């Protein structure tokens, strides 16, 4: 079972891995197939759970399993 993730936690993780100034730009421009060919921002706006979006971002960025 996936634990729940708040939007704020999603953005904290994005800032940690991409930097505060680049995280939102990246999330607005990177189209990810696992998100039905939407950007992370579009997916969140469409109601996709932040944890599901994070898993897609995690995969795209090829982060270590410990960062999941």
PDB file of N, CA and C in Angstrom:
ATOM      1  N   UNK A   1       0.828  -1.184   0.000  1.00  0.00           N
ATOM      2  CA  UNK A   1       0.000   0.000   0.000  1.00  0.00           C
ATOM      3  C   UNK A   1       0.877   1.253   0.000  1.00  0.00           C
ATOM      4  N   UNK A   2       0.533   2.215  -0.825  1.00  0.00           N
ATOM      5  CA  UNK A   2       1.282   3.465  -0.882  1.00  0.00           C
ATOM      6  C   UNK A   2       0.873   4.367   0.260  1.00  0.00           C
ATOM      7  N   UNK A   3       1.858   4.996   0.889  1.00  0.00           N
ATOM      8  CA  UNK A   3       1.484   5.958   1.911  1.00  0.00           C
ATOM      9  C   UNK A   3       1.082   7.252   1.220  1.00  0.00           C
ATOM     10  N   UNK A   4       0.320   8.020   1.917  1.00  0.00           N
ATOM     11  CA  UNK A   4      -0.172   9.284   1.373  1.00  0.00           C
ATOM     12  C   UNK A   4       0.947  10.320   1.372  1.00  0.00           C
ATOM     13  N   UNK A   5       0.945  11.168   0.372  1.00  0.00           N
ATOM     14  CA  UNK A   5       1.925  12.240   0.285  1.00  0.00           C
ATOM     15  C   UNK A   5       1.172  13.535   0.016  1.00  0.00           C
ATOM     16  N   UNK A   6       1.513  14.558   0.744  1.00  0.00           N
ATOM     17  CA  UNK A   6       0.911  15.872   0.527  1.00  0.00           C
ATOM     18  C   UNK A   6       1.615  16.568  -0.634  1.00  0.00           C
ATOM     19  N   UNK A   7       0.920  17.509  -1.238  1.00  0.00           N
ATOM     20  CA  UNK A   7       1.536  18.302  -2.309  1.00  0.00           C
ATOM     21  C   UNK A   7       2.796  19.005  -1.804  1.00  0.00           C
ATOM     22  N   UNK A   8       2.749  19.494  -0.576  1.00  0.00           N
ATOM     23  CA  UNK A   8       3.914  20.191  -0.023  1.00  0.00           C
ATOM     24  C   UNK A   8       5.121  19.264   0.075  1.00  0.00           C
ATOM     25  N   UNK A   9       4.899  18.009   0.434  1.00  0.00           N
ATOM     26  CA  UNK A   9       6.010  17.054   0.506  1.00  0.00           C
ATOM     27  C   UNK A   9       6.566  16.766  -0.890  1.00  0.00           C
ATOM     28  N   UNK A  10       5.665  16.666  -1.863  1.00  0.00           N
ATOM     29  CA  UNK A  10       6.106  16.467  -3.244  1.00  0.00           C
ATOM     30  C   UNK A  10       7.051  17.597  -3.653  1.00  0.00           C
ATOM     31  N   UNK A  11       6.631  18.848  -3.402  1.00  0.00           N
ATOM     32  CA  UNK A  11       7.455  19.984  -3.815  1.00  0.00           C
ATOM     33  C   UNK A  11       8.742  20.083  -3.000  1.00  0.00           C
ATOM     34  N   UNK A  12       8.727  19.663  -1.754  1.00  0.00           N
ATOM     35  CA  UNK A  12       9.961  19.633  -0.963  1.00  0.00           C
ATOM     36  C   UNK A  12      10.965  18.668  -1.583  1.00  0.00           C
ATOM     37  N   UNK A  13      10.479  17.505  -1.998  1.00  0.00           N
ATOM     38  CA  UNK A  13      11.369  16.516  -2.644  1.00  0.00           C
ATOM     39  C   UNK A  13      11.888  17.051  -3.979  1.00  0.00           C
ATOM     40  N   UNK A  14      11.012  17.691  -4.728  1.00  0.00           N
ATOM     41  CA  UNK A  14      11.449  18.265  -6.012  1.00  0.00           C
ATOM     42  C   UNK A  14      12.545  19.306  -5.778  1.00  0.00           C
ATOM     43  N   UNK A  15      12.329  20.196  -4.814  1.00  0.00           N
ATOM     44  CA  UNK A  15      13.319  21.230  -4.495  1.00  0.00           C
ATOM     45  C   UNK A  15      14.637  20.609  -4.055  1.00  0.00           C
ATOM     46  N   UNK A  16      14.566  19.550  -3.270  1.00  0.00           N
ATOM     47  CA  UNK A  16      15.767  18.885  -2.780  1.00  0.00           C
ATOM     48  C   UNK A  16      16.602  18.332  -3.935  1.00  0.00           C
ATOM     49  N   UNK A  17      15.942  17.724  -4.898  1.00  0.00           N
ATOM     50  CA  UNK A  17      16.673  17.049  -5.973  1.00  0.00           C
ATOM     51  C   UNK A  17      16.997  17.946  -7.162  1.00  0.00           C
ATOM     52  N   UNK A  18      16.211  18.970  -7.384  1.00  0.00           N
ATOM     53  CA  UNK A  18      16.433  19.817  -8.562  1.00  0.00           C
ATOM     54  C   UNK A  18      16.760  21.264  -8.227  1.00  0.00           C
ATOM     55  N   UNK A  19      16.637  21.618  -6.979  1.00  0.00           N
ATOM     56  CA  UNK A  19      16.864  23.006  -6.574  1.00  0.00           C
ATOM     57  C   UNK A  19      15.570  23.800  -6.669  1.00  0.00           C
ATOM     58  N   UNK A  20      15.416  24.754  -5.766  1.00  0.00           N
ATOM     59  CA  UNK A  20      14.175  25.517  -5.696  1.00  0.00           C
ATOM     60  C   UNK A  20      13.862  26.256  -6.995  1.00  0.00           C
ATOM     61  N   UNK A  21      14.858  26.824  -7.616  1.00  0.00           N
ATOM     62  CA  UNK A  21      14.597  27.629  -8.809  1.00  0.00           C
ATOM     63  C   UNK A  21      14.298  26.783 -10.041  1.00  0.00           C
ATOM     64  N   UNK A  22      14.764  25.549 -10.078  1.00  0.00           N
ATOM     65  CA  UNK A  22      14.576  24.718 -11.273  1.00  0.00           C
ATOM     66  C   UNK A  22      13.439  23.707 -11.145  1.00  0.00           C
ATOM     67  N   UNK A  23      13.069  23.337  -9.940  1.00  0.00           N
ATOM     68  CA  UNK A  23      12.071  22.273  -9.736  1.00  0.00           C
ATOM     69  C   UNK A  23      10.753  22.573 -10.429  1.00  0.00           C
ATOM     70  N   UNK A  24      10.246  23.776 -10.296  1.00  0.00           N
ATOM     71  CA  UNK A  24       8.950  24.119 -10.904  1.00  0.00           C
ATOM     72  C   UNK A  24       9.057  24.201 -12.423  1.00  0.00           C
ATOM     73  N   UNK A  25      10.172  24.724 -12.915  1.00  0.00           N
ATOM     74  CA  UNK A  25      10.376  24.776 -14.365  1.00  0.00           C
ATOM     75  C   UNK A  25      10.384  23.364 -14.927  1.00  0.00           C
ATOM     76  N   UNK A  26      11.123  22.484 -14.285  1.00  0.00           N
ATOM     77  CA  UNK A  26      11.216  21.092 -14.728  1.00  0.00           C
ATOM     78  C   UNK A  26       9.836  20.449 -14.707  1.00  0.00           C
ATOM     79  N   UNK A  27       9.092  20.643 -13.610  1.00  0.00           N
ATOM     80  CA  UNK A  27       7.766  20.039 -13.467  1.00  0.00           C
ATOM     81  C   UNK A  27       6.763  20.594 -14.480  1.00  0.00           C
ATOM     82  N   UNK A  28       6.998  21.800 -14.950  1.00  0.00           N
ATOM     83  CA  UNK A  28       6.107  22.420 -15.944  1.00  0.00           C
ATOM     84  C   UNK A  28       6.441  22.023 -17.375  1.00  0.00           C
ATOM     85  N   UNK A  29       7.623  21.446 -17.597  1.00  0.00           N
ATOM     86  CA  UNK A  29       8.065  21.216 -18.976  1.00  0.00           C
ATOM     87  C   UNK A  29       8.339  19.757 -19.329  1.00  0.00           C
ATOM     88  N   UNK A  30       8.533  18.890 -18.348  1.00  0.00           N
ATOM     89  CA  UNK A  30       8.880  17.497 -18.626  1.00  0.00           C
ATOM     90  C   UNK A  30       7.631  16.631 -18.771  1.00  0.00           C
ATOM     91  N   UNK A  31       7.369  16.184 -19.970  1.00  0.00           N
ATOM     92  CA  UNK A  31       6.241  15.300 -20.237  1.00  0.00           C
ATOM     93  C   UNK A  31       6.684  13.876 -19.927  1.00  0.00           C
ATOM     94  N   UNK A  32       5.906  13.181 -19.097  1.00  0.00           N
ATOM     95  CA  UNK A  32       6.274  11.842 -18.634  1.00  0.00           C
ATOM     96  C   UNK A  32       5.196  10.853 -19.070  1.00  0.00           C
ATOM     97  N   UNK A  33       5.606   9.821 -19.768  1.00  0.00           N
ATOM     98  CA  UNK A  33       4.681   8.805 -20.265  1.00  0.00           C
ATOM     99  C   UNK A  33       3.875   8.147 -19.162  1.00  0.00           C
ATOM    100  N   UNK A  34       4.511   7.883 -18.015  1.00  0.00           N
ATOM    101  CA  UNK A  34       3.821   7.240 -16.894  1.00  0.00           C
ATOM    102  C   UNK A  34       2.717   8.113 -16.303  1.00  0.00           C
ATOM    103  N   UNK A  35       2.686   9.374 -16.691  1.00  0.00           N
ATOM    104  CA  UNK A  35       1.635  10.295 -16.234  1.00  0.00           C
ATOM    105  C   UNK A  35       0.672  10.603 -17.376  1.00  0.00           C
ATOM    106  N   UNK A  36       0.477   9.619 -18.248  1.00  0.00           N
ATOM    107  CA  UNK A  36      -0.394   9.782 -19.415  1.00  0.00           C
ATOM    108  C   UNK A  36       0.066  10.926 -20.307  1.00  0.00           C
ATOM    109  N   UNK A  37       1.371  11.020 -20.450  1.00  0.00           N
ATOM    110  CA  UNK A  37       1.996  12.030 -21.314  1.00  0.00           C
ATOM    111  C   UNK A  37       1.628  13.444 -20.894  1.00  0.00           C
ATOM    112  N   UNK A  38       1.661  13.647 -19.585  1.00  0.00           N
ATOM    113  CA  UNK A  38       1.461  14.971 -19.004  1.00  0.00           C
ATOM    114  C   UNK A  38       2.713  15.356 -18.239  1.00  0.00           C
ATOM    115  N   UNK A  39       2.830  16.634 -17.950  1.00  0.00           N
ATOM    116  CA  UNK A  39       3.893  17.086 -17.068  1.00  0.00           C
ATOM    117  C   UNK A  39       3.478  16.779 -15.632  1.00  0.00           C
ATOM    118  N   UNK A  40       4.437  16.756 -14.707  1.00  0.00           N
ATOM    119  CA  UNK A  40       4.058  16.565 -13.310  1.00  0.00           C
ATOM    120  C   UNK A  40       3.037  17.612 -12.838  1.00  0.00           C
ATOM    121  N   UNK A  41       3.211  18.839 -13.236  1.00  0.00           N
ATOM    122  CA  UNK A  41       2.273  19.894 -12.842  1.00  0.00           C
ATOM    123  C   UNK A  41       0.885  19.626 -13.394  1.00  0.00           C
ATOM    124  N   UNK A  42       0.797  19.232 -14.650  1.00  0.00           N
ATOM    125  CA  UNK A  42      -0.503  18.918 -15.250  1.00  0.00           C
ATOM    126  C   UNK A  42      -1.157  17.743 -14.535  1.00  0.00           C
ATOM    127  N   UNK A  43      -0.358  16.739 -14.203  1.00  0.00           N
ATOM    128  CA  UNK A  43      -0.899  15.564 -13.514  1.00  0.00           C
ATOM    129  C   UNK A  43      -1.444  15.943 -12.139  1.00  0.00           C
ATOM    130  N   UNK A  44      -0.689  16.735 -11.389  1.00  0.00           N
ATOM    131  CA  UNK A  44      -1.173  17.178 -10.083  1.00  0.00           C
ATOM    132  C   UNK A  44      -2.453  17.993 -10.225  1.00  0.00           C
ATOM    133  N   UNK A  45      -2.470  18.893 -11.187  1.00  0.00           N
ATOM    134  CA  UNK A  45      -3.657  19.733 -11.418  1.00  0.00           C
ATOM    135  C   UNK A  45      -4.870  18.894 -11.819  1.00  0.00           C
ATOM    136  N   UNK A  46      -4.627  17.752 -12.456  1.00  0.00           N
ATOM    137  CA  UNK A  46      -5.713  16.867 -12.891  1.00  0.00           C
ATOM    138  C   UNK A  46      -6.183  15.943 -11.760  1.00  0.00           C
ATOM    139  N   UNK A  47      -5.533  16.026 -10.599  1.00  0.00           N
ATOM    140  CA  UNK A  47      -5.962  15.232  -9.460  1.00  0.00           C
ATOM    141  C   UNK A  47      -5.201  13.948  -9.228  1.00  0.00           C
ATOM    142  N   UNK A  48      -4.121  13.733  -9.971  1.00  0.00           N
ATOM    143  CA  UNK A  48      -3.299  12.547  -9.738  1.00  0.00           C
ATOM    144  C   UNK A  48      -2.626  12.715  -8.371  1.00  0.00           C
ATOM    145  N   UNK A  49      -2.595  11.644  -7.611  1.00  0.00           N
ATOM    146  CA  UNK A  49      -2.014  11.688  -6.268  1.00  0.00           C
ATOM    147  C   UNK A  49      -0.540  12.085  -6.326  1.00  0.00           C
ATOM    148  N   UNK A  50      -0.111  12.980  -5.431  1.00  0.00           N
ATOM    149  CA  UNK A  50       1.290  13.403  -5.416  1.00  0.00           C
ATOM    150  C   UNK A  50       2.270  12.235  -5.343  1.00  0.00           C
ATOM    151  N   UNK A  51       1.929  11.169  -4.602  1.00  0.00           N
ATOM    152  CA  UNK A  51       2.829  10.014  -4.501  1.00  0.00           C
ATOM    153  C   UNK A  51       2.997   9.343  -5.863  1.00  0.00           C
ATOM    154  N   UNK A  52       1.926   9.238  -6.629  1.00  0.00           N
ATOM    155  CA  UNK A  52       2.010   8.644  -7.960  1.00  0.00           C
ATOM    156  C   UNK A  52       2.863   9.524  -8.879  1.00  0.00           C
ATOM    157  N   UNK A  53       2.691  10.814  -8.778  1.00  0.00           N
ATOM    158  CA  UNK A  53       3.497  11.741  -9.585  1.00  0.00           C
ATOM    159  C   UNK A  53       4.954  11.633  -9.167  1.00  0.00           C
ATOM    160  N   UNK A  54       5.210  11.561  -7.863  1.00  0.00           N
ATOM    161  CA  UNK A  54       6.585  11.447  -7.383  1.00  0.00           C
ATOM    162  C   UNK A  54       7.248  10.186  -7.921  1.00  0.00           C
ATOM    163  N   UNK A  55       6.523   9.070  -7.924  1.00  0.00           N
ATOM    164  CA  UNK A  55       7.113   7.820  -8.437  1.00  0.00           C
ATOM    165  C   UNK A  55       7.509   7.960  -9.905  1.00  0.00           C
ATOM    166  N   UNK A  56       6.708   8.650 -10.683  1.00  0.00           N
ATOM    167  CA  UNK A  56       7.038   8.872 -12.096  1.00  0.00           C
ATOM    168  C   UNK A  56       8.253   9.787 -12.223  1.00  0.00           C
ATOM    169  N   UNK A  57       8.298  10.835 -11.409  1.00  0.00           N
ATOM    170  CA  UNK A  57       9.452  11.747 -11.414  1.00  0.00           C
ATOM    171  C   UNK A  57      10.697  10.994 -10.959  1.00  0.00           C
ATOM    172  N   UNK A  58      10.575  10.220  -9.894  1.00  0.00           N
ATOM    173  CA  UNK A  58      11.679   9.431  -9.351  1.00  0.00           C
ATOM    174  C   UNK A  58      12.280   8.543 -10.445  1.00  0.00           C
ATOM    175  N   UNK A  59      11.411   7.888 -11.191  1.00  0.00           N
ATOM    176  CA  UNK A  59      11.861   7.018 -12.274  1.00  0.00           C
ATOM    177  C   UNK A  59      12.552   7.817 -13.372  1.00  0.00           C
ATOM    178  N   UNK A  60      11.970   8.926 -13.773  1.00  0.00           N
ATOM    179  CA  UNK A  60      12.543   9.750 -14.845  1.00  0.00           C
ATOM    180  C   UNK A  60      13.918  10.269 -14.452  1.00  0.00           C
ATOM    181  N   UNK A  61      14.060  10.690 -13.195  1.00  0.00           N
ATOM    182  CA  UNK A  61      15.337  11.234 -12.723  1.00  0.00           C
ATOM    183  C   UNK A  61      16.349  10.150 -12.362  1.00  0.00           C
ATOM    184  N   UNK A  62      15.892   8.894 -12.374  1.00  0.00           N
ATOM    185  CA  UNK A  62      16.742   7.752 -12.025  1.00  0.00           C
ATOM    186  C   UNK A  62      17.391   7.942 -10.641  1.00  0.00           C
ATOM    187  N   UNK A  63      16.554   8.315  -9.681  1.00  0.00           N
ATOM    188  CA  UNK A  63      17.024   8.494  -8.318  1.00  0.00           C
ATOM    189  C   UNK A  63      17.172   7.131  -7.648  1.00  0.00           C
ATOM    190  N   UNK A  64      18.007   7.048  -6.619  1.00  0.00           N
ATOM    191  CA  UNK A  64      18.186   5.763  -5.931  1.00  0.00           C
ATOM    192  C   UNK A  64      16.903   5.325  -5.218  1.00  0.00           C
ATOM    193  N   UNK A  65      16.735   4.017  -5.043  1.00  0.00           N
ATOM    194  CA  UNK A  65      15.543   3.493  -4.371  1.00  0.00           C
ATOM    195  C   UNK A  65      15.289   4.126  -2.997  1.00  0.00           C
ATOM    196  N   UNK A  66      16.327   4.516  -2.321  1.00  0.00           N
ATOM    197  CA  UNK A  66      16.176   5.118  -0.985  1.00  0.00           C
ATOM    198  C   UNK A  66      15.434   6.456  -1.020  1.00  0.00           C
ATOM    199  N   UNK A  67      15.346   7.055  -2.195  1.00  0.00           N
ATOM    200  CA  UNK A  67      14.674   8.353  -2.349  1.00  0.00           C
ATOM    201  C   UNK A  67      13.212   8.208  -2.728  1.00  0.00           C
ATOM    202  N   UNK A  68      12.744   6.986  -2.821  1.00  0.00           N
ATOM    203  CA  UNK A  68      11.369   6.734  -3.233  1.00  0.00           C
ATOM    204  C   UNK A  68      10.429   7.189  -2.169  1.00  0.00           C
TER     205      UNK A  68
END
